[in-house]
């Protein structure tokens, strides 16, 4: 399957545990990227985070600030762009 979205119906802590267990059983040929763009209430700029996994092994991660004059939407798109760019190097 090229992509899939799943929203767990479990409480957050249980969903996180179930997801970590699922990662342990993933094929090392399957690559997962997690991205996020966000702004903290008392901080400046917009943050972008990225983590890439192959099976249960994290092979890349980064966090950066994209600047003061950005919006969270830009951070979300930057994270997705970084994931695609990273995937082209695999």
PDB file of N, CA and C in Angstrom:
ATOM      1  N   UNK A   1       0.858  -1.169   0.000  1.00  0.00           N
ATOM      2  CA  UNK A   1       0.000   0.000   0.000  1.00  0.00           C
ATOM      3  C   UNK A   1       0.899   1.225   0.000  1.00  0.00           C
ATOM      4  N   UNK A   2       0.669   2.179  -0.863  1.00  0.00           N
ATOM      5  CA  UNK A   2       1.546   3.348  -0.955  1.00  0.00           C
ATOM      6  C   UNK A   2       1.450   4.268   0.257  1.00  0.00           C
ATOM      7  N   UNK A   3       0.287   4.392   0.846  1.00  0.00           N
ATOM      8  CA  UNK A   3       0.141   5.239   2.032  1.00  0.00           C
ATOM      9  C   UNK A   3      -1.159   4.881   2.724  1.00  0.00           C
ATOM     10  N   UNK A   4      -1.220   5.212   3.995  1.00  0.00           N
ATOM     11  CA  UNK A   4      -2.443   4.965   4.758  1.00  0.00           C
ATOM     12  C   UNK A   4      -2.460   5.894   5.955  1.00  0.00           C
ATOM     13  N   UNK A   5      -3.645   6.276   6.358  1.00  0.00           N
ATOM     14  CA  UNK A   5      -3.830   7.089   7.555  1.00  0.00           C
ATOM     15  C   UNK A   5      -4.707   6.309   8.511  1.00  0.00           C
ATOM     16  N   UNK A   6      -4.298   6.268   9.767  1.00  0.00           N
ATOM     17  CA  UNK A   6      -5.078   5.575  10.787  1.00  0.00           C
ATOM     18  C   UNK A   6      -5.155   6.465  12.014  1.00  0.00           C
ATOM     19  N   UNK A   7      -6.350   6.703  12.493  1.00  0.00           N
ATOM     20  CA  UNK A   7      -6.548   7.475  13.717  1.00  0.00           C
ATOM     21  C   UNK A   7      -7.054   6.509  14.776  1.00  0.00           C
ATOM     22  N   UNK A   8      -6.254   6.305  15.804  1.00  0.00           N
ATOM     23  CA  UNK A   8      -6.595   5.348  16.859  1.00  0.00           C
ATOM     24  C   UNK A   8      -7.772   5.852  17.687  1.00  0.00           C
ATOM     25  N   UNK A   9      -8.576   4.914  18.141  1.00  0.00           N
ATOM     26  CA  UNK A   9      -9.705   5.255  19.006  1.00  0.00           C
ATOM     27  C   UNK A   9      -9.370   4.998  20.473  1.00  0.00           C
ATOM     28  N   UNK A  10      -8.118   4.667  20.746  1.00  0.00           N
ATOM     29  CA  UNK A  10      -7.655   4.416  22.106  1.00  0.00           C
ATOM     30  C   UNK A  10      -7.270   5.725  22.782  1.00  0.00           C
ATOM     31  N   UNK A  11      -7.211   5.738  24.127  1.00  0.00           N
ATOM     32  CA  UNK A  11      -6.634   6.905  24.812  1.00  0.00           C
ATOM     33  C   UNK A  11      -5.192   7.117  24.340  1.00  0.00           C
ATOM     34  N   UNK A  12      -4.712   8.341  24.417  1.00  0.00           N
ATOM     35  CA  UNK A  12      -3.412   8.709  23.850  1.00  0.00           C
ATOM     36  C   UNK A  12      -2.275   7.804  24.322  1.00  0.00           C
ATOM     37  N   UNK A  13      -2.177   7.540  25.621  1.00  0.00           N
ATOM     38  CA  UNK A  13      -1.080   6.724  26.148  1.00  0.00           C
ATOM     39  C   UNK A  13      -1.147   5.298  25.600  1.00  0.00           C
ATOM     40  N   UNK A  14      -2.346   4.731  25.536  1.00  0.00           N
ATOM     41  CA  UNK A  14      -2.505   3.376  25.008  1.00  0.00           C
ATOM     42  C   UNK A  14      -2.199   3.332  23.511  1.00  0.00           C
ATOM     43  N   UNK A  15      -2.614   4.343  22.786  1.00  0.00           N
ATOM     44  CA  UNK A  15      -2.342   4.398  21.348  1.00  0.00           C
ATOM     45  C   UNK A  15      -0.837   4.484  21.095  1.00  0.00           C
ATOM     46  N   UNK A  16      -0.126   5.261  21.915  1.00  0.00           N
ATOM     47  CA  UNK A  16       1.327   5.386  21.757  1.00  0.00           C
ATOM     48  C   UNK A  16       2.010   4.044  22.011  1.00  0.00           C
ATOM     49  N   UNK A  17       1.578   3.327  23.043  1.00  0.00           N
ATOM     50  CA  UNK A  17       2.149   2.013  23.338  1.00  0.00           C
ATOM     51  C   UNK A  17       1.877   1.035  22.200  1.00  0.00           C
ATOM     52  N   UNK A  18       0.647   1.016  21.712  1.00  0.00           N
ATOM     53  CA  UNK A  18       0.287   0.123  20.606  1.00  0.00           C
ATOM     54  C   UNK A  18       1.099   0.451  19.355  1.00  0.00           C
ATOM     55  N   UNK A  19       1.318   1.726  19.113  1.00  0.00           N
ATOM     56  CA  UNK A  19       2.081   2.133  17.926  1.00  0.00           C
ATOM     57  C   UNK A  19       3.540   1.707  18.046  1.00  0.00           C
ATOM     58  N   UNK A  20       4.125   1.879  19.230  1.00  0.00           N
ATOM     59  CA  UNK A  20       5.517   1.447  19.423  1.00  0.00           C
ATOM     60  C   UNK A  20       5.654  -0.063  19.199  1.00  0.00           C
ATOM     61  N   UNK A  21       4.670  -0.830  19.669  1.00  0.00           N
ATOM     62  CA  UNK A  21       4.698  -2.275  19.437  1.00  0.00           C
ATOM     63  C   UNK A  21       4.574  -2.593  17.952  1.00  0.00           C
ATOM     64  N   UNK A  22       3.730  -1.857  17.257  1.00  0.00           N
ATOM     65  CA  UNK A  22       3.563  -2.064  15.819  1.00  0.00           C
ATOM     66  C   UNK A  22       4.867  -1.772  15.077  1.00  0.00           C
ATOM     67  N   UNK A  23       5.590  -0.740  15.502  1.00  0.00           N
ATOM     68  CA  UNK A  23       6.868  -0.415  14.859  1.00  0.00           C
ATOM     69  C   UNK A  23       7.851  -1.576  14.960  1.00  0.00           C
ATOM     70  N   UNK A  24       7.814  -2.303  16.085  1.00  0.00           N
ATOM     71  CA  UNK A  24       8.740  -3.417  16.288  1.00  0.00           C
ATOM     72  C   UNK A  24       8.538  -4.523  15.257  1.00  0.00           C
ATOM     73  N   UNK A  25       7.337  -4.614  14.689  1.00  0.00           N
ATOM     74  CA  UNK A  25       7.033  -5.702  13.753  1.00  0.00           C
ATOM     75  C   UNK A  25       7.093  -5.267  12.287  1.00  0.00           C
ATOM     76  N   UNK A  26       7.419  -4.020  12.030  1.00  0.00           N
ATOM     77  CA  UNK A  26       7.462  -3.518  10.658  1.00  0.00           C
ATOM     78  C   UNK A  26       8.681  -4.055   9.918  1.00  0.00           C
ATOM     79  N   UNK A  27       8.514  -4.282   8.655  1.00  0.00           N
ATOM     80  CA  UNK A  27       9.625  -4.688   7.798  1.00  0.00           C
ATOM     81  C   UNK A  27      10.645  -3.555   7.736  1.00  0.00           C
ATOM     82  N   UNK A  28      11.942  -3.881   7.760  1.00  0.00           N
ATOM     83  CA  UNK A  28      12.946  -2.825   7.618  1.00  0.00           C
ATOM     84  C   UNK A  28      12.904  -2.159   6.242  1.00  0.00           C
ATOM     85  N   UNK A  29      12.176  -2.751   5.304  1.00  0.00           N
ATOM     86  CA  UNK A  29      12.019  -2.150   3.977  1.00  0.00           C
ATOM     87  C   UNK A  29      10.918  -1.097   3.953  1.00  0.00           C
ATOM     88  N   UNK A  30      10.145  -1.011   5.019  1.00  0.00           N
ATOM     89  CA  UNK A  30       9.067  -0.025   5.090  1.00  0.00           C
ATOM     90  C   UNK A  30       9.586   1.215   5.806  1.00  0.00           C
ATOM     91  N   UNK A  31       9.369   2.354   5.207  1.00  0.00           N
ATOM     92  CA  UNK A  31       9.853   3.618   5.766  1.00  0.00           C
ATOM     93  C   UNK A  31       8.657   4.454   6.204  1.00  0.00           C
ATOM     94  N   UNK A  32       8.749   4.982   7.418  1.00  0.00           N
ATOM     95  CA  UNK A  32       7.705   5.853   7.957  1.00  0.00           C
ATOM     96  C   UNK A  32       8.319   7.197   8.314  1.00  0.00           C
ATOM     97  N   UNK A  33       7.634   8.268   7.971  1.00  0.00           N
ATOM     98  CA  UNK A  33       8.056   9.610   8.366  1.00  0.00           C
ATOM     99  C   UNK A  33       6.964  10.232   9.215  1.00  0.00           C
ATOM    100  N   UNK A  34       7.383  10.922  10.262  1.00  0.00           N
ATOM    101  CA  UNK A  34       6.476  11.699  11.097  1.00  0.00           C
ATOM    102  C   UNK A  34       6.927  13.148  11.008  1.00  0.00           C
ATOM    103  N   UNK A  35       5.994  14.048  10.767  1.00  0.00           N
ATOM    104  CA  UNK A  35       6.331  15.467  10.654  1.00  0.00           C
ATOM    105  C   UNK A  35       5.394  16.284  11.525  1.00  0.00           C
ATOM    106  N   UNK A  36       5.862  17.471  11.898  1.00  0.00           N
ATOM    107  CA  UNK A  36       5.018  18.369  12.674  1.00  0.00           C
ATOM    108  C   UNK A  36       5.512  19.797  12.500  1.00  0.00           C
ATOM    109  N   UNK A  37       4.584  20.703  12.429  1.00  0.00           N
ATOM    110  CA  UNK A  37       4.877  22.128  12.463  1.00  0.00           C
ATOM    111  C   UNK A  37       4.080  22.705  13.616  1.00  0.00           C
ATOM    112  N   UNK A  38       4.709  23.540  14.431  1.00  0.00           N
ATOM    113  CA  UNK A  38       3.986  24.050  15.595  1.00  0.00           C
ATOM    114  C   UNK A  38       4.601  25.346  16.107  1.00  0.00           C
ATOM    115  N   UNK A  39       3.835  25.978  16.970  1.00  0.00           N
ATOM    116  CA  UNK A  39       4.287  27.190  17.647  1.00  0.00           C
ATOM    117  C   UNK A  39       3.912  27.061  19.110  1.00  0.00           C
ATOM    118  N   UNK A  40       4.868  27.321  19.977  1.00  0.00           N
ATOM    119  CA  UNK A  40       4.616  27.282  21.414  1.00  0.00           C
ATOM    120  C   UNK A  40       4.143  28.664  21.858  1.00  0.00           C
ATOM    121  N   UNK A  41       3.286  28.721  22.873  1.00  0.00           N
ATOM    122  CA  UNK A  41       2.700  30.002  23.287  1.00  0.00           C
ATOM    123  C   UNK A  41       3.715  31.098  23.622  1.00  0.00           C
ATOM    124  N   UNK A  42       4.794  30.754  24.313  1.00  0.00           N
ATOM    125  CA  UNK A  42       5.753  31.778  24.739  1.00  0.00           C
ATOM    126  C   UNK A  42       7.066  31.710  23.968  1.00  0.00           C
ATOM    127  N   UNK A  43       7.010  31.272  22.712  1.00  0.00           N
ATOM    128  CA  UNK A  43       8.232  31.179  21.922  1.00  0.00           C
ATOM    129  C   UNK A  43       8.119  32.051  20.679  1.00  0.00           C
ATOM    130  N   UNK A  44       9.217  32.148  19.965  1.00  0.00           N
ATOM    131  CA  UNK A  44       9.220  32.944  18.741  1.00  0.00           C
ATOM    132  C   UNK A  44       9.443  32.032  17.549  1.00  0.00           C
ATOM    133  N   UNK A  45       8.787  32.326  16.471  1.00  0.00           N
ATOM    134  CA  UNK A  45       8.943  31.552  15.248  1.00  0.00           C
ATOM    135  C   UNK A  45       8.099  30.293  15.239  1.00  0.00           C
ATOM    136  N   UNK A  46       8.229  29.569  14.152  1.00  0.00           N
ATOM    137  CA  UNK A  46       7.498  28.324  13.936  1.00  0.00           C
ATOM    138  C   UNK A  46       8.503  27.184  13.891  1.00  0.00           C
ATOM    139  N   UNK A  47       8.238  26.140  14.643  1.00  0.00           N
ATOM    140  CA  UNK A  47       9.117  24.983  14.677  1.00  0.00           C
ATOM    141  C   UNK A  47       8.656  23.901  13.719  1.00  0.00           C
ATOM    142  N   UNK A  48       9.625  23.174  13.176  1.00  0.00           N
ATOM    143  CA  UNK A  48       9.358  22.041  12.291  1.00  0.00           C
ATOM    144  C   UNK A  48      10.134  20.849  12.834  1.00  0.00           C
ATOM    145  N   UNK A  49       9.469  19.719  12.905  1.00  0.00           N
ATOM    146  CA  UNK A  49      10.122  18.492  13.345  1.00  0.00           C
ATOM    147  C   UNK A  49       9.899  17.378  12.344  1.00  0.00           C
ATOM    148  N   UNK A  50      10.870  16.487  12.245  1.00  0.00           N
ATOM    149  CA  UNK A  50      10.810  15.353  11.323  1.00  0.00           C
ATOM    150  C   UNK A  50      11.514  14.175  11.976  1.00  0.00           C
ATOM    151  N   UNK A  51      10.925  12.994  11.862  1.00  0.00           N
ATOM    152  CA  UNK A  51      11.574  11.753  12.280  1.00  0.00           C
ATOM    153  C   UNK A  51      11.265  10.700  11.228  1.00  0.00           C
ATOM    154  N   UNK A  52      12.281   9.964  10.818  1.00  0.00           N
ATOM    155  CA  UNK A  52      12.116   8.903   9.832  1.00  0.00           C
ATOM    156  C   UNK A  52      12.511   7.566  10.429  1.00  0.00           C
ATOM    157  N   UNK A  53      11.685   6.547  10.213  1.00  0.00           N
ATOM    158  CA  UNK A  53      11.917   5.211  10.756  1.00  0.00           C
ATOM    159  C   UNK A  53      11.939   4.176   9.645  1.00  0.00           C
ATOM    160  N   UNK A  54      12.821   3.214   9.801  1.00  0.00           N
ATOM    161  CA  UNK A  54      12.853   2.020   8.967  1.00  0.00           C
ATOM    162  C   UNK A  54      12.672   0.861   9.930  1.00  0.00           C
ATOM    163  N   UNK A  55      11.510   0.212   9.891  1.00  0.00           N
ATOM    164  CA  UNK A  55      11.176  -0.738  10.941  1.00  0.00           C
ATOM    165  C   UNK A  55      11.115   0.025  12.249  1.00  0.00           C
ATOM    166  N   UNK A  56      11.810  -0.449  13.273  1.00  0.00           N
ATOM    167  CA  UNK A  56      11.817   0.239  14.564  1.00  0.00           C
ATOM    168  C   UNK A  56      13.022   1.164  14.722  1.00  0.00           C
ATOM    169  N   UNK A  57      13.871   1.258  13.711  1.00  0.00           N
ATOM    170  CA  UNK A  57      15.098   2.060  13.808  1.00  0.00           C
ATOM    171  C   UNK A  57      14.870   3.460  13.255  1.00  0.00           C
ATOM    172  N   UNK A  58      15.126   4.456  14.107  1.00  0.00           N
ATOM    173  CA  UNK A  58      15.046   5.836  13.622  1.00  0.00           C
ATOM    174  C   UNK A  58      16.335   6.144  12.868  1.00  0.00           C
ATOM    175  N   UNK A  59      16.200   6.515  11.607  1.00  0.00           N
ATOM    176  CA  UNK A  59      17.383   6.779  10.789  1.00  0.00           C
ATOM    177  C   UNK A  59      17.598   8.254  10.514  1.00  0.00           C
ATOM    178  N   UNK A  60      16.631   9.085  10.815  1.00  0.00           N
ATOM    179  CA  UNK A  60      16.822  10.525  10.654  1.00  0.00           C
ATOM    180  C   UNK A  60      15.894  11.271  11.594  1.00  0.00           C
ATOM    181  N   UNK A  61      16.327  12.433  12.014  1.00  0.00           N
ATOM    182  CA  UNK A  61      15.459  13.331  12.784  1.00  0.00           C
ATOM    183  C   UNK A  61      16.049  14.731  12.717  1.00  0.00           C
ATOM    184  N   UNK A  62      15.179  15.694  12.793  1.00  0.00           N
ATOM    185  CA  UNK A  62      15.636  17.079  12.841  1.00  0.00           C
ATOM    186  C   UNK A  62      14.553  17.949  13.460  1.00  0.00           C
ATOM    187  N   UNK A  63      14.988  19.058  13.961  1.00  0.00           N
ATOM    188  CA  UNK A  63      14.087  20.085  14.476  1.00  0.00           C
ATOM    189  C   UNK A  63      14.710  21.419  14.114  1.00  0.00           C
ATOM    190  N   UNK A  64      13.885  22.315  13.591  1.00  0.00           N
ATOM    191  CA  UNK A  64      14.409  23.634  13.241  1.00  0.00           C
ATOM    192  C   UNK A  64      13.310  24.676  13.351  1.00  0.00           C
ATOM    193  N   UNK A  65      13.743  25.910  13.429  1.00  0.00           N
ATOM    194  CA  UNK A  65      12.830  27.047  13.463  1.00  0.00           C
ATOM    195  C   UNK A  65      12.866  27.690  12.082  1.00  0.00           C
ATOM    196  N   UNK A  66      11.690  27.885  11.476  1.00  0.00           N
ATOM    197  CA  UNK A  66      11.676  28.456  10.121  1.00  0.00           C
ATOM    198  C   UNK A  66      11.464  29.967  10.123  1.00  0.00           C
ATOM    199  N   UNK A  67      11.437  30.572  11.301  1.00  0.00           N
ATOM    200  CA  UNK A  67      11.437  32.028  11.334  1.00  0.00           C
ATOM    201  C   UNK A  67      10.232  32.671  11.992  1.00  0.00           C
ATOM    202  N   UNK A  68      10.404  33.966  12.236  1.00  0.00           N
ATOM    203  CA  UNK A  68       9.397  34.759  12.945  1.00  0.00           C
ATOM    204  C   UNK A  68       8.158  35.056  12.116  1.00  0.00           C
ATOM    205  N   UNK A  69       8.320  35.226  10.838  1.00  0.00           N
ATOM    206  CA  UNK A  69       7.214  35.714  10.010  1.00  0.00           C
ATOM    207  C   UNK A  69       6.569  34.585   9.209  1.00  0.00           C
ATOM    208  N   UNK A  70       6.417  33.455   9.850  1.00  0.00           N
ATOM    209  CA  UNK A  70       5.793  32.285   9.243  1.00  0.00           C
ATOM    210  C   UNK A  70       4.504  31.964   9.997  1.00  0.00           C
ATOM    211  N   UNK A  71       3.720  31.073   9.432  1.00  0.00           N
ATOM    212  CA  UNK A  71       2.528  30.580  10.116  1.00  0.00           C
ATOM    213  C   UNK A  71       2.678  29.066  10.272  1.00  0.00           C
ATOM    214  N   UNK A  72       1.912  28.486  11.194  1.00  0.00           N
ATOM    215  CA  UNK A  72       2.031  27.057  11.473  1.00  0.00           C
ATOM    216  C   UNK A  72       1.821  26.226  10.204  1.00  0.00           C
ATOM    217  N   UNK A  73       0.910  26.649   9.360  1.00  0.00           N
ATOM    218  CA  UNK A  73       0.649  25.948   8.100  1.00  0.00           C
ATOM    219  C   UNK A  73       1.938  25.801   7.289  1.00  0.00           C
ATOM    220  N   UNK A  74       2.760  26.841   7.243  1.00  0.00           N
ATOM    221  CA  UNK A  74       4.044  26.769   6.534  1.00  0.00           C
ATOM    222  C   UNK A  74       4.954  25.725   7.170  1.00  0.00           C
ATOM    223  N   UNK A  75       4.922  25.642   8.499  1.00  0.00           N
ATOM    224  CA  UNK A  75       5.725  24.641   9.194  1.00  0.00           C
ATOM    225  C   UNK A  75       5.293  23.227   8.856  1.00  0.00           C
ATOM    226  N   UNK A  76       3.985  23.011   8.797  1.00  0.00           N
ATOM    227  CA  UNK A  76       3.471  21.685   8.428  1.00  0.00           C
ATOM    228  C   UNK A  76       3.935  21.310   7.020  1.00  0.00           C
ATOM    229  N   UNK A  77       3.812  22.233   6.086  1.00  0.00           N
ATOM    230  CA  UNK A  77       4.234  21.967   4.704  1.00  0.00           C
ATOM    231  C   UNK A  77       5.743  21.770   4.594  1.00  0.00           C
ATOM    232  N   UNK A  78       6.507  22.516   5.368  1.00  0.00           N
ATOM    233  CA  UNK A  78       7.967  22.356   5.355  1.00  0.00           C
ATOM    234  C   UNK A  78       8.348  20.963   5.847  1.00  0.00           C
ATOM    235  N   UNK A  79       7.681  20.480   6.893  1.00  0.00           N
ATOM    236  CA  UNK A  79       7.956  19.131   7.392  1.00  0.00           C
ATOM    237  C   UNK A  79       7.681  18.074   6.342  1.00  0.00           C
ATOM    238  N   UNK A  80       6.566  18.192   5.645  1.00  0.00           N
ATOM    239  CA  UNK A  80       6.219  17.238   4.584  1.00  0.00           C
ATOM    240  C   UNK A  80       7.246  17.305   3.456  1.00  0.00           C
ATOM    241  N   UNK A  81       7.640  18.521   3.081  1.00  0.00           N
ATOM    242  CA  UNK A  81       8.644  18.697   2.026  1.00  0.00           C
ATOM    243  C   UNK A  81       9.967  18.049   2.424  1.00  0.00           C
ATOM    244  N   UNK A  82      10.394  18.260   3.667  1.00  0.00           N
ATOM    245  CA  UNK A  82      11.643  17.666   4.134  1.00  0.00           C
ATOM    246  C   UNK A  82      11.582  16.141   4.099  1.00  0.00           C
ATOM    247  N   UNK A  83      10.424  15.574   4.443  1.00  0.00           N
ATOM    248  CA  UNK A  83      10.275  14.114   4.401  1.00  0.00           C
ATOM    249  C   UNK A  83      10.411  13.601   2.969  1.00  0.00           C
ATOM    250  N   UNK A  84       9.746  14.266   2.029  1.00  0.00           N
ATOM    251  CA  UNK A  84       9.864  13.848   0.625  1.00  0.00           C
ATOM    252  C   UNK A  84      11.303  13.973   0.132  1.00  0.00           C
ATOM    253  N   UNK A  85      11.959  15.072   0.473  1.00  0.00           N
ATOM    254  CA  UNK A  85      13.344  15.255   0.040  1.00  0.00           C
ATOM    255  C   UNK A  85      14.243  14.172   0.618  1.00  0.00           C
ATOM    256  N   UNK A  86      14.039  13.846   1.892  1.00  0.00           N
ATOM    257  CA  UNK A  86      14.847  12.812   2.522  1.00  0.00           C
ATOM    258  C   UNK A  86      14.596  11.459   1.862  1.00  0.00           C
ATOM    259  N   UNK A  87      13.344  11.163   1.552  1.00  0.00           N
ATOM    260  CA  UNK A  87      12.995   9.874   0.940  1.00  0.00           C
ATOM    261  C   UNK A  87      13.650   9.693  -0.426  1.00  0.00           C
ATOM    262  N   UNK A  88      13.895  10.781  -1.144  1.00  0.00           N
ATOM    263  CA  UNK A  88      14.530  10.655  -2.462  1.00  0.00           C
ATOM    264  C   UNK A  88      15.987  10.226  -2.345  1.00  0.00           C
ATOM    265  N   UNK A  89      16.569  10.358  -1.157  1.00  0.00           N
ATOM    266  CA  UNK A  89      17.968   9.974  -0.950  1.00  0.00           C
ATOM    267  C   UNK A  89      18.112   8.535  -0.456  1.00  0.00           C
ATOM    268  N   UNK A  90      17.016   7.837  -0.258  1.00  0.00           N
ATOM    269  CA  UNK A  90      17.094   6.452   0.248  1.00  0.00           C
ATOM    270  C   UNK A  90      17.501   5.488  -0.839  1.00  0.00           C
TER     271      UNK A  90
END
